[in-house]
C-alpha atoms as a PDB file:
ATOM      1  CA  UNK A   1      54.117  -4.586  33.884  1.00  0.00           C
ATOM      2  CA  UNK A   2      55.321  -8.064  32.611  1.00  0.00           C
ATOM      3  CA  UNK A   3      52.967  -9.843  35.111  1.00  0.00           C
ATOM      4  CA  UNK A   4      50.518  -7.535  33.786  1.00  0.00           C
ATOM      5  CA  UNK A   5      50.538  -8.399  30.368  1.00  0.00           C
ATOM      6  CA  UNK A   6      50.868 -11.802  31.073  1.00  0.00           C
ATOM      7  CA  UNK A   7      47.418 -11.973  32.716  1.00  0.00           C
ATOM      8  CA  UNK A   8      45.518 -10.082  29.853  1.00  0.00           C
ATOM      9  CA  UNK A   9      46.967 -12.259  27.067  1.00  0.00           C
ATOM     10  CA  UNK A  10      45.446 -15.340  29.626  1.00  0.00           C
ATOM     11  CA  UNK A  11      42.054 -13.556  30.061  1.00  0.00           C
ATOM     12  CA  UNK A  12      42.063 -12.938  26.395  1.00  0.00           C
ATOM     13  CA  UNK A  13      43.252 -16.302  25.498  1.00  0.00           C
ATOM     14  CA  UNK A  14      40.674 -17.717  28.176  1.00  0.00           C
ATOM     15  CA  UNK A  15      37.575 -16.025  26.930  1.00  0.00           C
ATOM     16  CA  UNK A  16      38.584 -16.971  23.533  1.00  0.00           C
ATOM     17  CA  UNK A  17      38.985 -20.766  24.092  1.00  0.00           C
ATOM     18  CA  UNK A  18      35.620 -20.529  26.285  1.00  0.00           C
ATOM     19  CA  UNK A  19      33.962 -19.369  23.061  1.00  0.00           C
ATOM     20  CA  UNK A  20      35.957 -21.586  20.691  1.00  0.00           C
ATOM     21  CA  UNK A  21      33.677 -23.996  18.214  1.00  0.00           C
ATOM     22  CA  UNK A  22      34.358 -26.730  16.253  1.00  0.00           C
ATOM     23  CA  UNK A  23      33.574 -26.872  12.594  1.00  0.00           C
ATOM     24  CA  UNK A  24      33.848 -29.287   9.924  1.00  0.00           C
ATOM     25  CA  UNK A  25      33.051 -27.818   6.469  1.00  0.00           C
ATOM     26  CA  UNK A  26      32.450 -29.373   2.861  1.00  0.00           C
ATOM     27  CA  UNK A  27      32.255 -27.892  -0.599  1.00  0.00           C
ATOM     28  CA  UNK A  28      31.587 -28.619  -4.119  1.00  0.00           C
ATOM     29  CA  UNK A  29      30.520 -26.627  -7.265  1.00  0.00           C
ATOM     30  CA  UNK A  30      31.651 -25.099 -10.799  1.00  0.00           C
ATOM     31  CA  UNK A  31      35.311 -23.854 -11.633  1.00  0.00           C
ATOM     32  CA  UNK A  32      36.424 -21.828 -14.470  1.00  0.00           C
ATOM     33  CA  UNK A  33      39.492 -21.178 -15.076  1.00  0.00           C
ATOM     34  CA  UNK A  34      40.606 -17.769 -17.107  1.00  0.00           C
ATOM     35  CA  UNK A  35      42.756 -17.197 -20.193  1.00  0.00           C
ATOM     36  CA  UNK A  36      45.744 -18.941 -18.547  1.00  0.00           C
ATOM     37  CA  UNK A  37      48.855 -18.040 -20.037  1.00  0.00           C
ATOM     38  CA  UNK A  38      51.467 -21.179 -21.113  1.00  0.00           C
ATOM     39  CA  UNK A  39      55.769 -21.166 -22.266  1.00  0.00           C
ATOM     40  CA  UNK A  40      56.456 -24.366 -23.848  1.00  0.00           C
ATOM     41  CA  UNK A  41      59.751 -24.088 -25.570  1.00  0.00           C
ATOM     42  CA  UNK A  42      60.252 -20.723 -26.995  1.00  0.00           C
ATOM     43  CA  UNK A  43      56.539 -20.378 -27.709  1.00  0.00           C
ATOM     44  CA  UNK A  44      54.600 -17.947 -25.278  1.00  0.00           C
ATOM     45  CA  UNK A  45      50.702 -18.619 -25.724  1.00  0.00           C
ATOM     46  CA  UNK A  46      47.418 -18.805 -23.997  1.00  0.00           C
ATOM     47  CA  UNK A  47      44.341 -21.325 -23.807  1.00  0.00           C
ATOM     48  CA  UNK A  48      40.787 -21.291 -22.065  1.00  0.00           C
ATOM     49  CA  UNK A  49      39.708 -23.930 -19.979  1.00  0.00           C
ATOM     50  CA  UNK A  50      35.808 -25.589 -19.974  1.00  0.00           C
ATOM     51  CA  UNK A  51      33.832 -25.342 -16.799  1.00  0.00           C
ATOM     52  CA  UNK A  52      34.841 -27.825 -14.383  1.00  0.00           C
ATOM     53  CA  UNK A  53      34.481 -28.977 -10.892  1.00  0.00           C
ATOM     54  CA  UNK A  54      35.566 -28.123  -7.709  1.00  0.00           C
ATOM     55  CA  UNK A  55      35.192 -30.548  -4.349  1.00  0.00           C
ATOM     56  CA  UNK A  56      36.462 -29.575  -0.932  1.00  0.00           C
ATOM     57  CA  UNK A  57      36.520 -29.896   2.976  1.00  0.00           C
ATOM     58  CA  UNK A  58      37.649 -27.801   5.624  1.00  0.00           C
ATOM     59  CA  UNK A  59      38.383 -28.585   9.427  1.00  0.00           C
ATOM     60  CA  UNK A  60      38.389 -25.349  11.641  1.00  0.00           C
ATOM     61  CA  UNK A  61      37.596 -23.031  14.727  1.00  0.00           C
ATOM     62  CA  UNK A  62      35.370 -20.382  15.177  1.00  0.00           C
ATOM     63  CA  UNK A  63      36.803 -18.512  18.447  1.00  0.00           C
ATOM     64  CA  UNK A  64      34.408 -15.788  18.014  1.00  0.00           C
ATOM     65  CA  UNK A  65      30.889 -14.720  16.575  1.00  0.00           C
ATOM     66  CA  UNK A  66      33.075 -12.985  14.035  1.00  0.00           C
ATOM     67  CA  UNK A  67      36.689 -15.104  13.532  1.00  0.00           C
ATOM     68  CA  UNK A  68      37.806 -18.499  12.351  1.00  0.00           C
ATOM     69  CA  UNK A  69      40.724 -20.175  11.201  1.00  0.00           C
ATOM     70  CA  UNK A  70      40.876 -23.571   9.165  1.00  0.00           C
ATOM     71  CA  UNK A  71      42.665 -25.916   7.216  1.00  0.00           C
ATOM     72  CA  UNK A  72      41.452 -27.014   3.981  1.00  0.00           C
ATOM     73  CA  UNK A  73      42.066 -29.629   0.833  1.00  0.00           C
ATOM     74  CA  UNK A  74      40.458 -28.818  -2.357  1.00  0.00           C
ATOM     75  CA  UNK A  75      40.793 -30.020  -5.999  1.00  0.00           C
ATOM     76  CA  UNK A  76      39.832 -28.600  -8.984  1.00  0.00           C
ATOM     77  CA  UNK A  77      39.513 -29.928 -12.498  1.00  0.00           C
ATOM     78  CA  UNK A  78      39.288 -28.781 -16.066  1.00  0.00           C
ATOM     79  CA  UNK A  79      39.426 -29.808 -19.492  1.00  0.00           C
ATOM     80  CA  UNK A  80      41.383 -27.569 -21.862  1.00  0.00           C
ATOM     81  CA  UNK A  81      39.097 -25.581 -24.421  1.00  0.00           C
ATOM     82  CA  UNK A  82      41.290 -26.163 -27.524  1.00  0.00           C
ATOM     83  CA  UNK A  83      43.983 -28.075 -28.519  1.00  0.00           C
ATOM     84  CA  UNK A  84      46.304 -30.440 -25.749  1.00  0.00           C
ATOM     85  CA  UNK A  85      49.088 -28.882 -24.629  1.00  0.00           C
ATOM     86  CA  UNK A  86      52.201 -30.943 -24.631  1.00  0.00           C
ATOM     87  CA  UNK A  87      49.845 -34.318 -24.875  1.00  0.00           C
ATOM     88  CA  UNK A  88      47.363 -33.684 -22.342  1.00  0.00           C
ATOM     89  CA  UNK A  89      43.491 -32.342 -21.964  1.00  0.00           C
ATOM     90  CA  UNK A  90      43.019 -31.153 -18.625  1.00  0.00           C
ATOM     91  CA  UNK A  91      44.574 -29.470 -16.008  1.00  0.00           C
ATOM     92  CA  UNK A  92      43.964 -30.065 -12.160  1.00  0.00           C
ATOM     93  CA  UNK A  93      44.942 -28.276  -8.802  1.00  0.00           C
ATOM     94  CA  UNK A  94      44.864 -30.114  -5.559  1.00  0.00           C
ATOM     95  CA  UNK A  95      45.429 -27.068  -2.785  1.00  0.00           C
ATOM     96  CA  UNK A  96      46.069 -27.046   0.237  1.00  0.00           C
ATOM     97  CA  UNK A  97      45.492 -23.925   2.476  1.00  0.00           C
ATOM     98  CA  UNK A  98      45.311 -22.097   5.918  1.00  0.00           C
ATOM     99  CA  UNK A  99      42.346 -19.706   5.906  1.00  0.00           C
ATOM    100  CA  UNK A 100      40.794 -16.896   8.605  1.00  0.00           C
ATOM    101  CA  UNK A 101      37.442 -15.889   7.972  1.00  0.00           C
ATOM    102  CA  UNK A 102      35.434 -12.870   9.519  1.00  0.00           C
ATOM    103  CA  UNK A 103      31.937 -14.051   9.464  1.00  0.00           C
ATOM    104  CA  UNK A 104      29.183 -11.144   9.580  1.00  0.00           C
ATOM    105  CA  UNK A 105      25.889 -10.411  12.033  1.00  0.00           C
ATOM    106  CA  UNK A 106      23.470 -13.200  11.661  1.00  0.00           C
ATOM    107  CA  UNK A 107      20.680 -10.622  11.679  1.00  0.00           C
ATOM    108  CA  UNK A 108      21.399  -9.720   8.391  1.00  0.00           C
ATOM    109  CA  UNK A 109      17.651 -11.435   6.908  1.00  0.00           C
ATOM    110  CA  UNK A 110      18.680 -14.895   8.452  1.00  0.00           C
ATOM    111  CA  UNK A 111      21.961 -15.243   5.632  1.00  0.00           C
ATOM    112  CA  UNK A 112      24.738 -14.020   7.566  1.00  0.00           C
ATOM    113  CA  UNK A 113      27.891 -13.338   4.988  1.00  0.00           C
ATOM    114  CA  UNK A 114      31.110 -14.154   5.362  1.00  0.00           C
ATOM    115  CA  UNK A 115      34.802 -13.890   3.716  1.00  0.00           C
ATOM    116  CA  UNK A 116      38.242 -15.366   4.099  1.00  0.00           C
ATOM    117  CA  UNK A 117      41.514 -15.235   2.726  1.00  0.00           C
ATOM    118  CA  UNK A 118      43.788 -18.110   2.391  1.00  0.00           C
ATOM    119  CA  UNK A 119      47.391 -19.249   1.697  1.00  0.00           C
ATOM    120  CA  UNK A 120      49.151 -22.418   1.040  1.00  0.00           C
ATOM    121  CA  UNK A 121      50.250 -24.730  -1.631  1.00  0.00           C
ATOM    122  CA  UNK A 122      49.054 -26.014  -4.763  1.00  0.00           C
ATOM    123  CA  UNK A 123      49.664 -29.009  -6.871  1.00  0.00           C
ATOM    124  CA  UNK A 124      49.321 -28.088 -10.590  1.00  0.00           C
ATOM    125  CA  UNK A 125      49.082 -31.458 -12.701  1.00  0.00           C
ATOM    126  CA  UNK A 126      49.349 -31.229 -16.460  1.00  0.00           C
ATOM    127  CA  UNK A 127      51.102 -32.121 -19.772  1.00  0.00           C
ATOM    128  CA  UNK A 128      50.981 -35.529 -17.590  1.00  0.00           C
ATOM    129  CA  UNK A 129      53.468 -33.847 -15.005  1.00  0.00           C
ATOM    130  CA  UNK A 130      53.116 -31.898 -11.619  1.00  0.00           C
ATOM    131  CA  UNK A 131      54.626 -28.943  -9.605  1.00  0.00           C
ATOM    132  CA  UNK A 132      54.057 -27.882  -6.271  1.00  0.00           C
ATOM    133  CA  UNK A 133      53.842 -24.046  -5.958  1.00  0.00           C
ATOM    134  CA  UNK A 134      52.856 -21.174  -3.516  1.00  0.00           C
ATOM    135  CA  UNK A 135      49.089 -20.702  -3.769  1.00  0.00           C
ATOM    136  CA  UNK A 136      46.468 -17.954  -2.307  1.00  0.00           C
ATOM    137  CA  UNK A 137      42.845 -17.629  -2.550  1.00  0.00           C
ATOM    138  CA  UNK A 138      39.840 -15.429  -1.894  1.00  0.00           C
ATOM    139  CA  UNK A 139      36.543 -16.033  -0.889  1.00  0.00           C
ATOM    140  CA  UNK A 140      32.759 -14.827   0.610  1.00  0.00           C
ATOM    141  CA  UNK A 141      29.733 -15.981   0.575  1.00  0.00           C
ATOM    142  CA  UNK A 142      26.032 -16.338   2.863  1.00  0.00           C
ATOM    143  CA  UNK A 143      24.989 -19.158   4.829  1.00  0.00           C
ATOM    144  CA  UNK A 144      21.701 -20.151   6.319  1.00  0.00           C
ATOM    145  CA  UNK A 145      20.858 -22.179   9.459  1.00  0.00           C
ATOM    146  CA  UNK A 146      19.107 -25.056   9.800  1.00  0.00           C
ATOM    147  CA  UNK A 147      19.096 -25.730  13.354  1.00  0.00           C
ATOM    148  CA  UNK A 148      21.959 -24.753  15.569  1.00  0.00           C
ATOM    149  CA  UNK A 149      24.816 -26.983  14.373  1.00  0.00           C
ATOM    150  CA  UNK A 150      24.364 -27.287  10.821  1.00  0.00           C
ATOM    151  CA  UNK A 151      24.145 -24.672   8.084  1.00  0.00           C
ATOM    152  CA  UNK A 152      24.334 -24.510   4.063  1.00  0.00           C
ATOM    153  CA  UNK A 153      25.258 -21.735   1.886  1.00  0.00           C
ATOM    154  CA  UNK A 154      26.465 -20.747  -1.016  1.00  0.00           C
ATOM    155  CA  UNK A 155      29.893 -19.111  -1.914  1.00  0.00           C
ATOM    156  CA  UNK A 156      32.521 -17.706  -4.420  1.00  0.00           C
ATOM    157  CA  UNK A 157      36.379 -18.654  -4.662  1.00  0.00           C
ATOM    158  CA  UNK A 158      39.146 -16.814  -6.272  1.00  0.00           C
ATOM    159  CA  UNK A 159      42.477 -19.228  -6.566  1.00  0.00           C
ATOM    160  CA  UNK A 160      45.490 -17.988  -7.563  1.00  0.00           C
ATOM    161  CA  UNK A 161      48.631 -20.059  -8.218  1.00  0.00           C
ATOM    162  CA  UNK A 162      52.440 -19.389  -9.001  1.00  0.00           C
ATOM    163  CA  UNK A 163      53.855 -20.495 -12.452  1.00  0.00           C
ATOM    164  CA  UNK A 164      54.210 -24.475 -12.429  1.00  0.00           C
ATOM    165  CA  UNK A 165      56.935 -25.750 -14.343  1.00  0.00           C
ATOM    166  CA  UNK A 166      57.262 -29.030 -16.012  1.00  0.00           C
ATOM    167  CA  UNK A 167      59.595 -31.008 -17.852  1.00  0.00           C
ATOM    168  CA  UNK A 168      60.051 -30.440 -21.922  1.00  0.00           C
ATOM    169  CA  UNK A 169      60.272 -26.692 -20.862  1.00  0.00           C
ATOM    170  CA  UNK A 170      56.309 -26.452 -20.720  1.00  0.00           C
ATOM    171  CA  UNK A 171      55.027 -24.285 -17.829  1.00  0.00           C
ATOM    172  CA  UNK A 172      51.820 -22.565 -17.083  1.00  0.00           C
ATOM    173  CA  UNK A 173      49.950 -20.162 -14.742  1.00  0.00           C
ATOM    174  CA  UNK A 174      46.673 -21.487 -13.192  1.00  0.00           C
ATOM    175  CA  UNK A 175      44.000 -19.346 -11.525  1.00  0.00           C
ATOM    176  CA  UNK A 176      40.530 -20.317 -11.429  1.00  0.00           C
ATOM    177  CA  UNK A 177      36.802 -18.666 -10.471  1.00  0.00           C
ATOM    178  CA  UNK A 178      33.933 -21.228  -8.686  1.00  0.00           C
ATOM    179  CA  UNK A 179      30.777 -21.127  -7.422  1.00  0.00           C
ATOM    180  CA  UNK A 180      30.081 -23.702  -4.778  1.00  0.00           C
ATOM    181  CA  UNK A 181      27.360 -24.999  -2.283  1.00  0.00           C
ATOM    182  CA  UNK A 182      28.558 -25.262   1.010  1.00  0.00           C
ATOM    183  CA  UNK A 183      27.719 -27.437   4.141  1.00  0.00           C
ATOM    184  CA  UNK A 184      29.117 -26.893   7.411  1.00  0.00           C
ATOM    185  CA  UNK A 185      28.590 -28.932  10.686  1.00  0.00           C
ATOM    186  CA  UNK A 186      29.347 -27.541  14.222  1.00  0.00           C
ATOM    187  CA  UNK A 187      30.936 -29.560  16.861  1.00  0.00           C
END
């Protein structure tokens, strides 16, 4: 019984590896934070952010036409809309994520959809301080192939991070919505 389980697992792994294809993806676009709650000493309040930007990249591996995994690094930056909070006027997030991505069929008008989930850490910087916290994200989009190994697309991303705590009794939550253009190169 153990031998047959081992043989089946090896066959599945060999099939997945035979179809495996590595890729690199870069993305960038606009990002907007939503009502961020913050605490400064005994005061609880919230602030908005102006439209900011996101830049990032991922290295991944497709195991089939429908499943891939990737490691991602991204930078998000927004200006705080309103009075400076604890001496700063912007908030930034540097995220490190592990993502799983499901790809839809490519027959859908030449624009195959995809959706992914990721988890990892984000370094939230505000008030001249930073904190590394747990973060997760969800994203989805469509892409168009331009030859056998290059594609471009558009995607929506939502990132949410745990509350970041800074010196001087300042803490804030961070989440953002973004629309990005993507460029992917398969190897």
